[in-house]
Structures are given as structure tokens and as C-alpha cells.
Amino acid sequence: MNKLGYSKIEILVVIVLLGIVAFITINKTSYAFAVDGTEAVDEVNYLIEVQAEEYALANTSLFEETNTTYISVDDLIEAGYLVGNEKGLLTDPTDTSKNFNDKKVRLEYNENKKDVSATVVD
């Protein structure tokens, strides 16, 4: 340090060190906020399956002819088991230009257990 303040070299060294610390910190913390797209889609599919099972148990007349039937995500939205956006679409969390409304849900009714299992199919 000279009598007038810090030299240009000292200031440059401090700026470089702060830059390195900032780079390391941002790089490490950015992974904490990263969202895995497949995990988000799996969660939405799980929500659809759970709500489809509730819908099927409340509407057992779906299984009068067969123990397996298909419903759409639109059916669940119309019945109030799922909520879409203002356009009535259940959007993909990884890409809002896509939606789940075209997906079908396979429902299988087990008469012995009075239980339904649901599986989202494309």
C-alpha cells in the first residue's frame, strides 16, 4: 500500500479473488435449485393416478361391463378431481406449451378387494 491508497495491482488481486469465490459459490448453490424435469413429470403422473382412483371408486358404474376401462385427464378435470389452468389445461411443469389433457388413464377394478388401480398411459 502506498501513501495515497491501494495500488492497481492490489485492487486487481482482490477483484480476481472475489470473482473466484463468487464463481465457486454460485456453481455449488445452483445445483440446490435445479429441478429434475423427469421427477416433476413423475409427480404429476402420480397425482393423476391417485385422483383417477378416487374418481373410479366414486363411479363404480364404470366397471359394470368390464374390470378394465380408460378415462382421460379431461374427464378428471371436468369432474373436479383435477384443476387445470384458466384454459382448462393441465400443463407440463417442464414445458408449459405441452399439457397432459390427451393422456389416458387405465383403471383396473378388483372386485374382491373393492379396490381400483390406475396407470397413466400415453
Protein backbone atom coordinates (compact mmCIF):
# COMPACT_ATOMS: atom_id res chain seq x y z
CA MET A 1 0.00 0.00 0.00
CA ASN A 2 1.34 3.38 -0.90
CA LYS A 3 0.57 6.65 0.88
CA LEU A 4 -2.28 7.54 -1.49
CA GLY A 5 -4.21 4.26 -1.15
CA TYR A 6 -4.14 0.81 -2.69
CA SER A 7 -2.20 0.17 -5.85
CA LYS A 8 -3.88 -1.03 -9.03
CA ILE A 9 -2.29 -4.47 -8.62
CA GLU A 10 -3.71 -4.89 -5.09
CA ILE A 11 -7.20 -3.92 -6.27
CA LEU A 12 -6.93 -6.27 -9.24
CA VAL A 13 -5.89 -9.18 -6.99
CA VAL A 14 -8.85 -8.55 -4.68
CA ILE A 15 -11.29 -8.40 -7.62
CA VAL A 16 -9.93 -11.65 -9.06
CA LEU A 17 -10.18 -13.40 -5.67
CA LEU A 18 -13.75 -12.17 -5.19
CA GLY A 19 -14.60 -13.41 -8.68
CA ILE A 20 -13.22 -16.87 -7.93
CA VAL A 21 -15.12 -17.07 -4.64
CA ALA A 22 -18.35 -15.92 -6.35
CA PHE A 23 -17.90 -18.44 -9.17
CA ILE A 24 -17.40 -21.34 -6.74
CA THR A 25 -20.33 -20.28 -4.57
CA ILE A 26 -22.76 -19.82 -7.47
CA ASN A 27 -21.67 -23.08 -9.06
CA LYS A 28 -22.23 -25.06 -5.84
CA THR A 29 -25.57 -23.47 -4.93
CA SER A 30 -27.06 -23.63 -8.43
CA TYR A 31 -27.44 -27.40 -8.07
CA ALA A 32 -29.59 -26.90 -5.00
CA PHE A 33 -32.20 -25.12 -7.09
CA ALA A 34 -32.07 -27.38 -10.12
CA VAL A 35 -35.33 -29.22 -10.81
CA ASP A 36 -35.17 -32.57 -12.48
CA GLY A 37 -37.77 -32.49 -15.24
CA THR A 38 -38.50 -36.21 -15.17
CA GLU A 39 -39.10 -36.07 -11.42
CA ALA A 40 -41.64 -33.26 -11.84
CA VAL A 41 -43.48 -35.16 -14.59
CA ASP A 42 -43.49 -38.31 -12.43
CA GLU A 43 -45.11 -36.33 -9.60
CA VAL A 44 -47.86 -35.06 -11.92
CA ASN A 45 -48.45 -38.60 -13.21
CA TYR A 46 -48.72 -39.83 -9.62
CA LEU A 47 -51.24 -37.09 -8.83
CA ILE A 48 -53.29 -38.08 -11.89
CA GLU A 49 -53.26 -41.74 -10.84
CA VAL A 50 -54.35 -41.00 -7.27
CA GLN A 51 -57.18 -38.75 -8.40
CA ALA A 52 -58.25 -41.28 -11.05
CA GLU A 53 -58.52 -43.96 -8.36
CA GLU A 54 -60.72 -41.64 -6.27
CA TYR A 55 -62.85 -40.88 -9.33
CA ALA A 56 -63.25 -44.58 -10.14
CA LEU A 57 -64.21 -45.52 -6.57
CA ALA A 58 -66.88 -42.82 -6.63
CA ASN A 59 -68.10 -44.02 -10.06
CA THR A 60 -68.07 -47.82 -9.87
CA SER A 61 -70.64 -47.90 -12.68
CA LEU A 62 -67.62 -47.55 -14.98
CA PHE A 63 -66.93 -51.24 -14.30
CA GLU A 64 -70.38 -52.75 -14.98
CA GLU A 65 -69.30 -54.46 -18.20
CA THR A 66 -65.57 -54.99 -17.64
CA ASN A 67 -62.99 -54.68 -14.88
CA THR A 68 -60.72 -52.51 -17.01
CA THR A 69 -61.61 -49.15 -18.51
CA TYR A 70 -59.93 -45.97 -19.68
CA ILE A 71 -60.64 -42.35 -18.81
CA SER A 72 -58.93 -39.16 -19.90
CA VAL A 73 -57.36 -36.39 -17.88
CA ASP A 74 -60.12 -34.16 -19.29
CA ASP A 75 -62.68 -36.40 -17.56
CA LEU A 76 -60.92 -35.83 -14.24
CA ILE A 77 -60.79 -32.06 -14.79
CA GLU A 78 -64.48 -31.89 -15.75
CA ALA A 79 -65.45 -33.93 -12.67
CA GLY A 80 -63.41 -31.65 -10.41
CA TYR A 81 -60.77 -34.19 -9.40
CA LEU A 82 -58.00 -32.19 -11.09
CA VAL A 83 -57.71 -28.46 -11.66
CA GLY A 84 -56.39 -27.09 -14.93
CA ASN A 85 -55.27 -23.59 -15.76
CA GLU A 86 -57.66 -20.86 -16.96
CA LYS A 87 -58.00 -22.70 -20.29
CA GLY A 88 -58.76 -26.00 -18.54
CA LEU A 89 -55.37 -27.49 -19.37
CA LEU A 90 -53.16 -29.47 -17.00
CA THR A 91 -49.79 -28.20 -18.20
CA ASP A 92 -46.46 -29.99 -18.20
CA PRO A 93 -44.28 -28.49 -15.42
CA THR A 94 -41.17 -28.74 -17.60
CA ASP A 95 -42.70 -27.22 -20.74
CA THR A 96 -45.83 -25.09 -20.45
CA SER A 97 -46.53 -25.42 -24.18
CA LYS A 98 -47.37 -29.10 -23.55
CA ASN A 99 -50.25 -30.46 -21.49
CA PHE A 100 -51.49 -33.73 -20.01
CA ASN A 101 -55.09 -33.47 -21.24
CA ASP A 102 -54.57 -36.00 -24.03
CA LYS A 103 -53.24 -38.65 -21.68
CA LYS A 104 -55.39 -41.64 -20.84
CA VAL A 105 -55.60 -43.41 -17.50
CA ARG A 106 -56.14 -47.16 -17.36
CA LEU A 107 -58.34 -48.19 -14.45
CA GLU A 108 -58.47 -51.76 -13.20
CA TYR A 109 -61.15 -52.74 -10.70
CA ASN A 110 -60.54 -55.58 -8.24
CA GLU A 111 -63.97 -56.86 -7.23
CA ASN A 112 -62.66 -58.95 -4.33
CA LYS A 113 -60.88 -56.05 -2.64
CA LYS A 114 -63.25 -53.34 -3.91
CA ASP A 115 -60.13 -51.51 -4.98
CA VAL A 116 -59.02 -49.67 -8.12
CA SER A 117 -55.53 -49.27 -9.54
CA ALA A 118 -54.76 -46.53 -12.04
CA THR A 119 -51.91 -46.23 -14.53
CA VAL A 120 -51.22 -43.27 -16.79
CA VAL A 121 -50.71 -44.42 -20.37
CA ASP A 122 -49.73 -42.38 -23.42
